[in-house]
């Protein structure tokens, strides 16, 4: 069993290297491309090996998951050759640590229980939409505007309310966001980064498996293996009830509960956006701030 686990972790490292290699253009790293047609997207293995100063045989073993103990110097050379940013470089190190079985014991699965004082905090933030989400983007608690802002999300049973699932599977999502492509790219990058260091976490594998099956858009982005996605400070919603509004977003980690975050959207008092938030808060259904046990009619049938 230990050898199977080591092989799995090495394969994950290899998949990441291959994804980054095939998405790095030769011109981007200063290589001159000839006039002929290249059959390989991005860099060839031998090109990357040369840029990183390692042998092609060694690199092939890395990419195929057969070499699981690259040195820090090799990782740094590969990161420079691929021009990885800091977050991508750190992700490479974490994957290599897992492949070499140097990683510490994984933490326990994050709790889905939202403490009572956080629910009070969400209510105190009204009319600003706010919610608590898990690391896999399950919506665990919310105030009225926090749920209503994502138009149609309340159609789904509470246990299926997940922002990634909403972006890819709810028919209202594309209309809600004019930059839907940007939203889904950042969403997948976040999930990819978490899944790379916790590949067997059930909260992630279930969601990823569902989206791979149901959404070609998700499957295409997942295969790209990007782990950076800058979340914009402002987000524009084209809401069917309150019109178009641009809000400032803020995400806060919850102390004492790993994996949980509070998301809040705000608008300047007296602005048209703030008036829209007041209207949204007043007209939103008053549902409980904890997941319900009953089901409701949904736009996307769930298992």
C-alpha atoms as a PDB file:
ATOM      1  CA  UNK A   1       0.000   0.000   0.000  1.00  0.00           C
ATOM      2  CA  UNK A   2       2.857   2.402   0.776  1.00  0.00           C
ATOM      3  CA  UNK A   3       4.363   1.942  -2.692  1.00  0.00           C
ATOM      4  CA  UNK A   4       0.976   2.550  -4.321  1.00  0.00           C
ATOM      5  CA  UNK A   5       0.608   5.796  -2.336  1.00  0.00           C
ATOM      6  CA  UNK A   6       4.103   6.942  -3.312  1.00  0.00           C
ATOM      7  CA  UNK A   7       3.354   6.198  -6.981  1.00  0.00           C
ATOM      8  CA  UNK A   8       0.107   8.193  -6.775  1.00  0.00           C
ATOM      9  CA  UNK A   9       1.876  11.219  -5.293  1.00  0.00           C
ATOM     10  CA  UNK A  10       4.652  10.997  -7.902  1.00  0.00           C
ATOM     11  CA  UNK A  11       2.034  10.878 -10.651  1.00  0.00           C
ATOM     12  CA  UNK A  12       0.428  14.054  -9.294  1.00  0.00           C
ATOM     13  CA  UNK A  13       3.789  15.838  -9.408  1.00  0.00           C
ATOM     14  CA  UNK A  14       4.307  14.591 -12.961  1.00  0.00           C
ATOM     15  CA  UNK A  15       0.853  15.752 -14.065  1.00  0.00           C
ATOM     16  CA  UNK A  16       1.537  19.219 -12.744  1.00  0.00           C
ATOM     17  CA  UNK A  17       4.897  19.466 -14.519  1.00  0.00           C
ATOM     18  CA  UNK A  18       3.387  18.269 -17.781  1.00  0.00           C
ATOM     19  CA  UNK A  19       0.490  20.725 -17.537  1.00  0.00           C
ATOM     20  CA  UNK A  20       2.824  23.649 -16.931  1.00  0.00           C
ATOM     21  CA  UNK A  21       5.220  22.523 -19.675  1.00  0.00           C
ATOM     22  CA  UNK A  22       2.532  22.162 -22.346  1.00  0.00           C
ATOM     23  CA  UNK A  23       1.147  25.607 -21.498  1.00  0.00           C
ATOM     24  CA  UNK A  24       4.510  27.410 -21.642  1.00  0.00           C
ATOM     25  CA  UNK A  25       5.251  28.748 -25.107  1.00  0.00           C
ATOM     26  CA  UNK A  26       8.852  28.573 -26.367  1.00  0.00           C
ATOM     27  CA  UNK A  27       8.769  32.278 -27.203  1.00  0.00           C
ATOM     28  CA  UNK A  28       7.720  33.097 -23.636  1.00  0.00           C
ATOM     29  CA  UNK A  29      10.944  31.585 -22.280  1.00  0.00           C
ATOM     30  CA  UNK A  30      13.188  33.024 -24.988  1.00  0.00           C
ATOM     31  CA  UNK A  31      13.444  30.071 -27.373  1.00  0.00           C
ATOM     32  CA  UNK A  32      13.444  30.644 -31.120  1.00  0.00           C
ATOM     33  CA  UNK A  33      10.829  28.537 -32.869  1.00  0.00           C
ATOM     34  CA  UNK A  34      11.531  27.264 -36.369  1.00  0.00           C
ATOM     35  CA  UNK A  35       9.178  27.505 -39.304  1.00  0.00           C
ATOM     36  CA  UNK A  36       7.997  23.889 -39.063  1.00  0.00           C
ATOM     37  CA  UNK A  37       4.788  22.781 -37.381  1.00  0.00           C
ATOM     38  CA  UNK A  38       5.264  21.743 -33.744  1.00  0.00           C
ATOM     39  CA  UNK A  39       3.300  18.660 -32.797  1.00  0.00           C
ATOM     40  CA  UNK A  40       3.841  19.277 -29.086  1.00  0.00           C
ATOM     41  CA  UNK A  41       1.884  22.115 -27.425  1.00  0.00           C
ATOM     42  CA  UNK A  42       4.157  24.336 -25.389  1.00  0.00           C
ATOM     43  CA  UNK A  43       7.674  23.226 -24.550  1.00  0.00           C
ATOM     44  CA  UNK A  44       9.113  19.861 -25.504  1.00  0.00           C
ATOM     45  CA  UNK A  45      10.507  17.730 -22.680  1.00  0.00           C
ATOM     46  CA  UNK A  46      14.051  18.130 -23.953  1.00  0.00           C
ATOM     47  CA  UNK A  47      13.636  21.913 -24.156  1.00  0.00           C
ATOM     48  CA  UNK A  48      12.485  22.151 -20.551  1.00  0.00           C
ATOM     49  CA  UNK A  49      15.234  19.819 -19.376  1.00  0.00           C
ATOM     50  CA  UNK A  50      17.833  21.957 -21.132  1.00  0.00           C
ATOM     51  CA  UNK A  51      16.427  25.184 -19.689  1.00  0.00           C
ATOM     52  CA  UNK A  52      16.432  23.653 -16.196  1.00  0.00           C
ATOM     53  CA  UNK A  53      19.937  22.213 -16.553  1.00  0.00           C
ATOM     54  CA  UNK A  54      18.913  18.596 -15.933  1.00  0.00           C
ATOM     55  CA  UNK A  55      19.132  15.497 -18.126  1.00  0.00           C
ATOM     56  CA  UNK A  56      16.218  14.625 -20.385  1.00  0.00           C
ATOM     57  CA  UNK A  57      16.100  11.108 -18.907  1.00  0.00           C
ATOM     58  CA  UNK A  58      15.774  12.490 -15.384  1.00  0.00           C
ATOM     59  CA  UNK A  59      13.053  14.904 -16.411  1.00  0.00           C
ATOM     60  CA  UNK A  60      11.093  12.162 -18.204  1.00  0.00           C
ATOM     61  CA  UNK A  61      11.239  10.084 -15.018  1.00  0.00           C
ATOM     62  CA  UNK A  62       9.879  13.052 -13.052  1.00  0.00           C
ATOM     63  CA  UNK A  63       7.015  13.614 -15.449  1.00  0.00           C
ATOM     64  CA  UNK A  64       6.113   9.916 -15.515  1.00  0.00           C
ATOM     65  CA  UNK A  65       6.046   9.731 -11.718  1.00  0.00           C
ATOM     66  CA  UNK A  66       8.995   7.345 -11.515  1.00  0.00           C
ATOM     67  CA  UNK A  67      11.327   9.842  -9.837  1.00  0.00           C
ATOM     68  CA  UNK A  68       9.821  11.050  -6.554  1.00  0.00           C
ATOM     69  CA  UNK A  69      12.738  12.726  -4.773  1.00  0.00           C
ATOM     70  CA  UNK A  70      13.824  15.799  -6.756  1.00  0.00           C
ATOM     71  CA  UNK A  71      16.151  18.050  -4.804  1.00  0.00           C
ATOM     72  CA  UNK A  72      15.170  21.615  -3.877  1.00  0.00           C
ATOM     73  CA  UNK A  73      17.733  22.858  -6.419  1.00  0.00           C
ATOM     74  CA  UNK A  74      16.062  20.851  -9.210  1.00  0.00           C
ATOM     75  CA  UNK A  75      12.631  22.165  -8.214  1.00  0.00           C
ATOM     76  CA  UNK A  76      13.924  25.732  -8.205  1.00  0.00           C
ATOM     77  CA  UNK A  77      15.499  25.228 -11.645  1.00  0.00           C
ATOM     78  CA  UNK A  78      12.260  23.843 -13.065  1.00  0.00           C
ATOM     79  CA  UNK A  79      10.289  26.721 -11.545  1.00  0.00           C
ATOM     80  CA  UNK A  80      12.637  29.259 -13.138  1.00  0.00           C
ATOM     81  CA  UNK A  81      12.519  27.489 -16.503  1.00  0.00           C
ATOM     82  CA  UNK A  82       8.713  27.421 -16.440  1.00  0.00           C
ATOM     83  CA  UNK A  83       8.596  30.983 -15.065  1.00  0.00           C
ATOM     84  CA  UNK A  84       6.286  29.938 -12.242  1.00  0.00           C
ATOM     85  CA  UNK A  85       5.025  32.644  -9.925  1.00  0.00           C
ATOM     86  CA  UNK A  86       5.468  32.335  -6.157  1.00  0.00           C
ATOM     87  CA  UNK A  87       2.196  30.500  -5.611  1.00  0.00           C
ATOM     88  CA  UNK A  88       2.843  28.024  -8.434  1.00  0.00           C
ATOM     89  CA  UNK A  89       6.410  27.487  -7.195  1.00  0.00           C
ATOM     90  CA  UNK A  90       5.173  26.731  -3.685  1.00  0.00           C
ATOM     91  CA  UNK A  91       2.616  24.303  -5.072  1.00  0.00           C
ATOM     92  CA  UNK A  92       5.412  22.485  -6.923  1.00  0.00           C
ATOM     93  CA  UNK A  93       7.380  22.189  -3.673  1.00  0.00           C
ATOM     94  CA  UNK A  94       4.342  20.824  -1.815  1.00  0.00           C
ATOM     95  CA  UNK A  95       3.672  18.210  -4.487  1.00  0.00           C
ATOM     96  CA  UNK A  96       7.329  17.162  -4.416  1.00  0.00           C
ATOM     97  CA  UNK A  97       7.248  16.889  -0.622  1.00  0.00           C
ATOM     98  CA  UNK A  98       4.252  14.590  -0.828  1.00  0.00           C
ATOM     99  CA  UNK A  99       5.859  12.540  -3.585  1.00  0.00           C
ATOM    100  CA  UNK A 100       8.990  12.110  -1.462  1.00  0.00           C
ATOM    101  CA  UNK A 101       6.804  11.340   1.570  1.00  0.00           C
ATOM    102  CA  UNK A 102       8.333  14.193   3.520  1.00  0.00           C
ATOM    103  CA  UNK A 103       5.013  15.886   4.108  1.00  0.00           C
ATOM    104  CA  UNK A 104       3.625  15.960   7.677  1.00  0.00           C
ATOM    105  CA  UNK A 105       0.506  14.029   8.558  1.00  0.00           C
ATOM    106  CA  UNK A 106      -2.502  15.647   6.897  1.00  0.00           C
ATOM    107  CA  UNK A 107      -4.803  17.596   9.199  1.00  0.00           C
ATOM    108  CA  UNK A 108      -8.247  16.177  10.014  1.00  0.00           C
ATOM    109  CA  UNK A 109     -11.086  16.935   7.639  1.00  0.00           C
ATOM    110  CA  UNK A 110     -12.331  20.513   8.147  1.00  0.00           C
ATOM    111  CA  UNK A 111     -15.452  20.850  10.251  1.00  0.00           C
ATOM    112  CA  UNK A 112     -18.697  21.837   8.535  1.00  0.00           C
ATOM    113  CA  UNK A 113     -20.177  23.097  11.809  1.00  0.00           C
ATOM    114  CA  UNK A 114     -20.614  26.872  11.913  1.00  0.00           C
ATOM    115  CA  UNK A 115     -20.355  28.251  15.420  1.00  0.00           C
ATOM    116  CA  UNK A 116     -23.371  30.235  16.689  1.00  0.00           C
ATOM    117  CA  UNK A 117     -21.490  33.508  17.108  1.00  0.00           C
ATOM    118  CA  UNK A 118     -20.560  33.440  13.399  1.00  0.00           C
ATOM    119  CA  UNK A 119     -24.239  33.237  12.476  1.00  0.00           C
ATOM    120  CA  UNK A 120     -24.840  36.274  14.682  1.00  0.00           C
ATOM    121  CA  UNK A 121     -21.962  38.022  12.923  1.00  0.00           C
ATOM    122  CA  UNK A 122     -23.508  37.325   9.514  1.00  0.00           C
ATOM    123  CA  UNK A 123     -26.806  38.804  10.675  1.00  0.00           C
ATOM    124  CA  UNK A 124     -25.062  41.898  12.056  1.00  0.00           C
ATOM    125  CA  UNK A 125     -23.509  42.576   8.642  1.00  0.00           C
ATOM    126  CA  UNK A 126     -26.862  43.127   6.920  1.00  0.00           C
ATOM    127  CA  UNK A 127     -27.656  44.548   4.417  1.00  0.00           C
ATOM    128  CA  UNK A 128     -24.198  43.542   3.215  1.00  0.00           C
ATOM    129  CA  UNK A 129     -24.405  40.013   1.746  1.00  0.00           C
ATOM    130  CA  UNK A 130     -22.282  37.591   3.748  1.00  0.00           C
ATOM    131  CA  UNK A 131     -21.815  33.854   4.097  1.00  0.00           C
ATOM    132  CA  UNK A 132     -19.516  31.173   5.495  1.00  0.00           C
ATOM    133  CA  UNK A 133     -18.054  28.677   3.019  1.00  0.00           C
ATOM    134  CA  UNK A 134     -15.903  25.577   3.348  1.00  0.00           C
ATOM    135  CA  UNK A 135     -12.590  25.008   1.585  1.00  0.00           C
ATOM    136  CA  UNK A 136     -14.486  23.164  -1.176  1.00  0.00           C
ATOM    137  CA  UNK A 137     -16.842  26.167  -1.490  1.00  0.00           C
ATOM    138  CA  UNK A 138     -19.897  24.642   0.192  1.00  0.00           C
ATOM    139  CA  UNK A 139     -22.128  27.439   1.499  1.00  0.00           C
ATOM    140  CA  UNK A 140     -22.453  26.551   5.192  1.00  0.00           C
ATOM    141  CA  UNK A 141     -24.260  29.623   6.560  1.00  0.00           C
ATOM    142  CA  UNK A 142     -25.538  32.930   5.209  1.00  0.00           C
ATOM    143  CA  UNK A 143     -27.561  36.057   5.866  1.00  0.00           C
ATOM    144  CA  UNK A 144     -30.530  36.845   3.568  1.00  0.00           C
ATOM    145  CA  UNK A 145     -28.530  38.855   1.034  1.00  0.00           C
ATOM    146  CA  UNK A 146     -25.636  36.393   1.081  1.00  0.00           C
ATOM    147  CA  UNK A 147     -27.845  33.687  -0.365  1.00  0.00           C
ATOM    148  CA  UNK A 148     -30.040  35.886  -2.570  1.00  0.00           C
ATOM    149  CA  UNK A 149     -27.062  37.588  -4.254  1.00  0.00           C
ATOM    150  CA  UNK A 150     -26.351  34.346  -6.135  1.00  0.00           C
ATOM    151  CA  UNK A 151     -29.642  34.355  -8.012  1.00  0.00           C
ATOM    152  CA  UNK A 152     -31.279  30.949  -8.011  1.00  0.00           C
ATOM    153  CA  UNK A 153     -28.920  29.346  -5.501  1.00  0.00           C
ATOM    154  CA  UNK A 154     -31.793  29.022  -3.035  1.00  0.00           C
ATOM    155  CA  UNK A 155     -33.586  26.804  -5.596  1.00  0.00           C
ATOM    156  CA  UNK A 156     -31.257  23.991  -4.561  1.00  0.00           C
ATOM    157  CA  UNK A 157     -31.465  21.960  -1.350  1.00  0.00           C
ATOM    158  CA  UNK A 158     -29.199  23.458   1.297  1.00  0.00           C
ATOM    159  CA  UNK A 159     -26.793  20.525   1.296  1.00  0.00           C
ATOM    160  CA  UNK A 160     -26.067  21.096  -2.431  1.00  0.00           C
ATOM    161  CA  UNK A 161     -25.415  24.839  -2.222  1.00  0.00           C
ATOM    162  CA  UNK A 162     -21.842  25.198  -3.383  1.00  0.00           C
ATOM    163  CA  UNK A 163     -20.383  28.166  -5.258  1.00  0.00           C
ATOM    164  CA  UNK A 164     -18.320  26.041  -7.655  1.00  0.00           C
ATOM    165  CA  UNK A 165     -21.329  23.872  -8.441  1.00  0.00           C
ATOM    166  CA  UNK A 166     -23.381  27.047  -8.929  1.00  0.00           C
ATOM    167  CA  UNK A 167     -20.891  28.610 -11.363  1.00  0.00           C
ATOM    168  CA  UNK A 168     -20.726  25.543 -13.595  1.00  0.00           C
ATOM    169  CA  UNK A 169     -24.159  23.937 -13.288  1.00  0.00           C
ATOM    170  CA  UNK A 170     -26.748  26.592 -12.488  1.00  0.00           C
ATOM    171  CA  UNK A 171     -28.278  28.174 -15.610  1.00  0.00           C
ATOM    172  CA  UNK A 172     -28.455  31.598 -13.925  1.00  0.00           C
ATOM    173  CA  UNK A 173     -24.697  31.857 -13.335  1.00  0.00           C
ATOM    174  CA  UNK A 174     -23.711  32.876 -16.873  1.00  0.00           C
ATOM    175  CA  UNK A 175     -26.266  35.690 -16.835  1.00  0.00           C
ATOM    176  CA  UNK A 176     -25.273  36.821 -13.347  1.00  0.00           C
ATOM    177  CA  UNK A 177     -21.614  37.379 -14.290  1.00  0.00           C
ATOM    178  CA  UNK A 178     -20.478  39.090 -17.495  1.00  0.00           C
ATOM    179  CA  UNK A 179     -16.941  37.856 -16.707  1.00  0.00           C
ATOM    180  CA  UNK A 180     -18.134  34.293 -16.167  1.00  0.00           C
ATOM    181  CA  UNK A 181     -15.004  32.899 -17.884  1.00  0.00           C
ATOM    182  CA  UNK A 182     -12.788  34.732 -15.407  1.00  0.00           C
ATOM    183  CA  UNK A 183     -14.897  33.581 -12.472  1.00  0.00           C
ATOM    184  CA  UNK A 184     -14.711  29.897 -13.387  1.00  0.00           C
ATOM    185  CA  UNK A 185     -10.971  30.063 -14.098  1.00  0.00           C
ATOM    186  CA  UNK A 186     -10.258  31.437 -10.622  1.00  0.00           C
ATOM    187  CA  UNK A 187     -12.646  28.912  -9.082  1.00  0.00           C
ATOM    188  CA  UNK A 188     -10.927  25.898 -10.668  1.00  0.00           C
ATOM    189  CA  UNK A 189      -7.478  27.235  -9.800  1.00  0.00           C
ATOM    190  CA  UNK A 190      -8.472  27.385  -6.135  1.00  0.00           C
ATOM    191  CA  UNK A 191      -9.866  23.847  -6.145  1.00  0.00           C
ATOM    192  CA  UNK A 192      -6.816  22.555  -8.053  1.00  0.00           C
ATOM    193  CA  UNK A 193      -4.420  24.060  -5.508  1.00  0.00           C
ATOM    194  CA  UNK A 194      -6.255  22.436  -2.605  1.00  0.00           C
ATOM    195  CA  UNK A 195      -6.709  19.089  -4.340  1.00  0.00           C
ATOM    196  CA  UNK A 196      -3.011  18.935  -5.242  1.00  0.00           C
ATOM    197  CA  UNK A 197      -2.018  18.739  -1.579  1.00  0.00           C
ATOM    198  CA  UNK A 198      -5.099  16.853  -0.339  1.00  0.00           C
ATOM    199  CA  UNK A 199      -5.939  14.598  -3.309  1.00  0.00           C
ATOM    200  CA  UNK A 200      -7.921  12.063  -1.284  1.00  0.00           C
ATOM    201  CA  UNK A 201     -10.043  14.536   0.696  1.00  0.00           C
ATOM    202  CA  UNK A 202     -13.665  13.374   0.307  1.00  0.00           C
ATOM    203  CA  UNK A 203     -15.086  16.900   0.339  1.00  0.00           C
ATOM    204  CA  UNK A 204     -13.014  17.671  -2.760  1.00  0.00           C
ATOM    205  CA  UNK A 205     -13.068  14.375  -4.647  1.00  0.00           C
ATOM    206  CA  UNK A 206     -16.856  14.180  -4.604  1.00  0.00           C
ATOM    207  CA  UNK A 207     -17.307  17.714  -5.925  1.00  0.00           C
ATOM    208  CA  UNK A 208     -14.559  17.415  -8.542  1.00  0.00           C
ATOM    209  CA  UNK A 209     -15.899  14.069  -9.752  1.00  0.00           C
ATOM    210  CA  UNK A 210     -19.378  15.517 -10.154  1.00  0.00           C
ATOM    211  CA  UNK A 211     -18.179  18.576 -12.058  1.00  0.00           C
ATOM    212  CA  UNK A 212     -15.880  16.546 -14.313  1.00  0.00           C
ATOM    213  CA  UNK A 213     -18.883  14.419 -15.258  1.00  0.00           C
ATOM    214  CA  UNK A 214     -21.415  17.210 -15.721  1.00  0.00           C
ATOM    215  CA  UNK A 215     -19.414  20.199 -17.023  1.00  0.00           C
ATOM    216  CA  UNK A 216     -17.106  20.126 -20.075  1.00  0.00           C
ATOM    217  CA  UNK A 217     -16.008  23.657 -19.132  1.00  0.00           C
ATOM    218  CA  UNK A 218     -14.826  22.420 -15.747  1.00  0.00           C
ATOM    219  CA  UNK A 219     -13.106  19.379 -17.256  1.00  0.00           C
ATOM    220  CA  UNK A 220     -11.169  21.552 -19.700  1.00  0.00           C
ATOM    221  CA  UNK A 221      -9.966  23.925 -16.997  1.00  0.00           C
ATOM    222  CA  UNK A 222      -9.157  21.079 -14.615  1.00  0.00           C
ATOM    223  CA  UNK A 223      -6.836  19.523 -17.204  1.00  0.00           C
ATOM    224  CA  UNK A 224      -4.892  22.801 -17.480  1.00  0.00           C
ATOM    225  CA  UNK A 225      -3.761  22.376 -13.853  1.00  0.00           C
ATOM    226  CA  UNK A 226      -3.511  26.081 -13.058  1.00  0.00           C
ATOM    227  CA  UNK A 227      -3.241  26.850  -9.359  1.00  0.00           C
ATOM    228  CA  UNK A 228      -3.217  30.638  -9.402  1.00  0.00           C
ATOM    229  CA  UNK A 229      -6.287  32.731  -9.935  1.00  0.00           C
ATOM    230  CA  UNK A 230      -6.369  36.282  -8.697  1.00  0.00           C
ATOM    231  CA  UNK A 231      -9.715  37.131  -7.180  1.00  0.00           C
ATOM    232  CA  UNK A 232     -10.678  40.690  -8.183  1.00  0.00           C
ATOM    233  CA  UNK A 233     -11.367  43.169  -5.384  1.00  0.00           C
ATOM    234  CA  UNK A 234     -14.667  44.089  -7.035  1.00  0.00           C
ATOM    235  CA  UNK A 235     -17.298  41.916  -8.642  1.00  0.00           C
ATOM    236  CA  UNK A 236     -20.196  42.955 -10.877  1.00  0.00           C
ATOM    237  CA  UNK A 237     -23.537  41.162 -10.616  1.00  0.00           C
ATOM    238  CA  UNK A 238     -26.358  41.446 -13.155  1.00  0.00           C
ATOM    239  CA  UNK A 239     -29.057  40.494 -10.707  1.00  0.00           C
ATOM    240  CA  UNK A 240     -32.565  39.712 -11.992  1.00  0.00           C
ATOM    241  CA  UNK A 241     -34.256  41.330  -8.952  1.00  0.00           C
ATOM    242  CA  UNK A 242     -32.160  44.415  -8.154  1.00  0.00           C
ATOM    243  CA  UNK A 243     -30.306  45.171 -11.397  1.00  0.00           C
ATOM    244  CA  UNK A 244     -26.610  45.646 -12.050  1.00  0.00           C
ATOM    245  CA  UNK A 245     -24.381  46.354  -9.068  1.00  0.00           C
ATOM    246  CA  UNK A 246     -20.617  46.371  -8.537  1.00  0.00           C
ATOM    247  CA  UNK A 247     -19.581  45.345  -5.041  1.00  0.00           C
ATOM    248  CA  UNK A 248     -16.305  45.162  -3.141  1.00  0.00           C
ATOM    249  CA  UNK A 249     -15.552  41.672  -1.874  1.00  0.00           C
ATOM    250  CA  UNK A 250     -13.546  40.509   1.110  1.00  0.00           C
ATOM    251  CA  UNK A 251     -12.677  36.978   2.246  1.00  0.00           C
ATOM    252  CA  UNK A 252     -11.667  36.291   5.847  1.00  0.00           C
ATOM    253  CA  UNK A 253     -10.356  33.066   7.357  1.00  0.00           C
ATOM    254  CA  UNK A 254     -12.265  31.868  10.420  1.00  0.00           C
ATOM    255  CA  UNK A 255     -10.024  31.477  13.449  1.00  0.00           C
ATOM    256  CA  UNK A 256     -10.198  28.111  15.165  1.00  0.00           C
ATOM    257  CA  UNK A 257     -12.009  26.390  12.293  1.00  0.00           C
ATOM    258  CA  UNK A 258      -9.545  25.479   9.525  1.00  0.00           C
ATOM    259  CA  UNK A 259     -10.959  25.559   6.032  1.00  0.00           C
ATOM    260  CA  UNK A 260     -13.839  27.939   6.738  1.00  0.00           C
ATOM    261  CA  UNK A 261     -13.944  31.459   5.322  1.00  0.00           C
ATOM    262  CA  UNK A 262     -16.344  34.374   5.613  1.00  0.00           C
ATOM    263  CA  UNK A 263     -17.201  36.138   2.371  1.00  0.00           C
ATOM    264  CA  UNK A 264     -18.626  39.674   2.523  1.00  0.00           C
ATOM    265  CA  UNK A 265     -19.748  42.107  -0.191  1.00  0.00           C
ATOM    266  CA  UNK A 266     -20.016  45.814   0.586  1.00  0.00           C
ATOM    267  CA  UNK A 267     -21.087  49.034  -1.121  1.00  0.00           C
ATOM    268  CA  UNK A 268     -20.627  52.688  -0.196  1.00  0.00           C
ATOM    269  CA  UNK A 269     -23.605  53.898   1.915  1.00  0.00           C
ATOM    270  CA  UNK A 270     -25.843  56.183  -0.131  1.00  0.00           C
ATOM    271  CA  UNK A 271     -24.729  54.709  -3.434  1.00  0.00           C
ATOM    272  CA  UNK A 272     -27.139  53.026  -5.881  1.00  0.00           C
ATOM    273  CA  UNK A 273     -25.406  49.728  -5.100  1.00  0.00           C
ATOM    274  CA  UNK A 274     -26.095  50.151  -1.374  1.00  0.00           C
ATOM    275  CA  UNK A 275     -29.746  50.902  -2.123  1.00  0.00           C
ATOM    276  CA  UNK A 276     -29.846  47.707  -4.189  1.00  0.00           C
ATOM    277  CA  UNK A 277     -28.399  45.744  -1.272  1.00  0.00           C
ATOM    278  CA  UNK A 278     -31.074  47.167   1.030  1.00  0.00           C
ATOM    279  CA  UNK A 279     -33.752  46.045  -1.423  1.00  0.00           C
ATOM    280  CA  UNK A 280     -32.154  42.612  -1.791  1.00  0.00           C
ATOM    281  CA  UNK A 281     -31.993  42.193   1.982  1.00  0.00           C
ATOM    282  CA  UNK A 282     -35.624  43.228   2.440  1.00  0.00           C
ATOM    283  CA  UNK A 283     -37.016  41.000  -0.299  1.00  0.00           C
ATOM    284  CA  UNK A 284     -34.842  37.897   0.217  1.00  0.00           C
ATOM    285  CA  UNK A 285     -36.590  34.840   1.696  1.00  0.00           C
ATOM    286  CA  UNK A 286     -35.941  34.508   5.420  1.00  0.00           C
ATOM    287  CA  UNK A 287     -34.424  31.032   5.447  1.00  0.00           C
ATOM    288  CA  UNK A 288     -32.422  29.541   8.275  1.00  0.00           C
ATOM    289  CA  UNK A 289     -28.709  30.263   8.320  1.00  0.00           C
ATOM    290  CA  UNK A 290     -27.890  26.584   8.671  1.00  0.00           C
ATOM    291  CA  UNK A 291     -28.368  23.867   6.042  1.00  0.00           C
ATOM    292  CA  UNK A 292     -31.943  22.633   5.925  1.00  0.00           C
ATOM    293  CA  UNK A 293     -33.004  18.986   5.882  1.00  0.00           C
ATOM    294  CA  UNK A 294     -35.835  19.418   3.415  1.00  0.00           C
ATOM    295  CA  UNK A 295     -35.405  19.611  -0.337  1.00  0.00           C
ATOM    296  CA  UNK A 296     -36.760  22.124  -2.780  1.00  0.00           C
ATOM    297  CA  UNK A 297     -37.167  22.328  -6.500  1.00  0.00           C
ATOM    298  CA  UNK A 298     -33.767  22.911  -8.116  1.00  0.00           C
ATOM    299  CA  UNK A 299     -32.564  24.067 -11.499  1.00  0.00           C
ATOM    300  CA  UNK A 300     -29.978  21.265 -11.605  1.00  0.00           C
ATOM    301  CA  UNK A 301     -31.106  17.870 -10.284  1.00  0.00           C
ATOM    302  CA  UNK A 302     -28.687  16.563  -7.687  1.00  0.00           C
ATOM    303  CA  UNK A 303     -28.029  13.022  -6.530  1.00  0.00           C
END
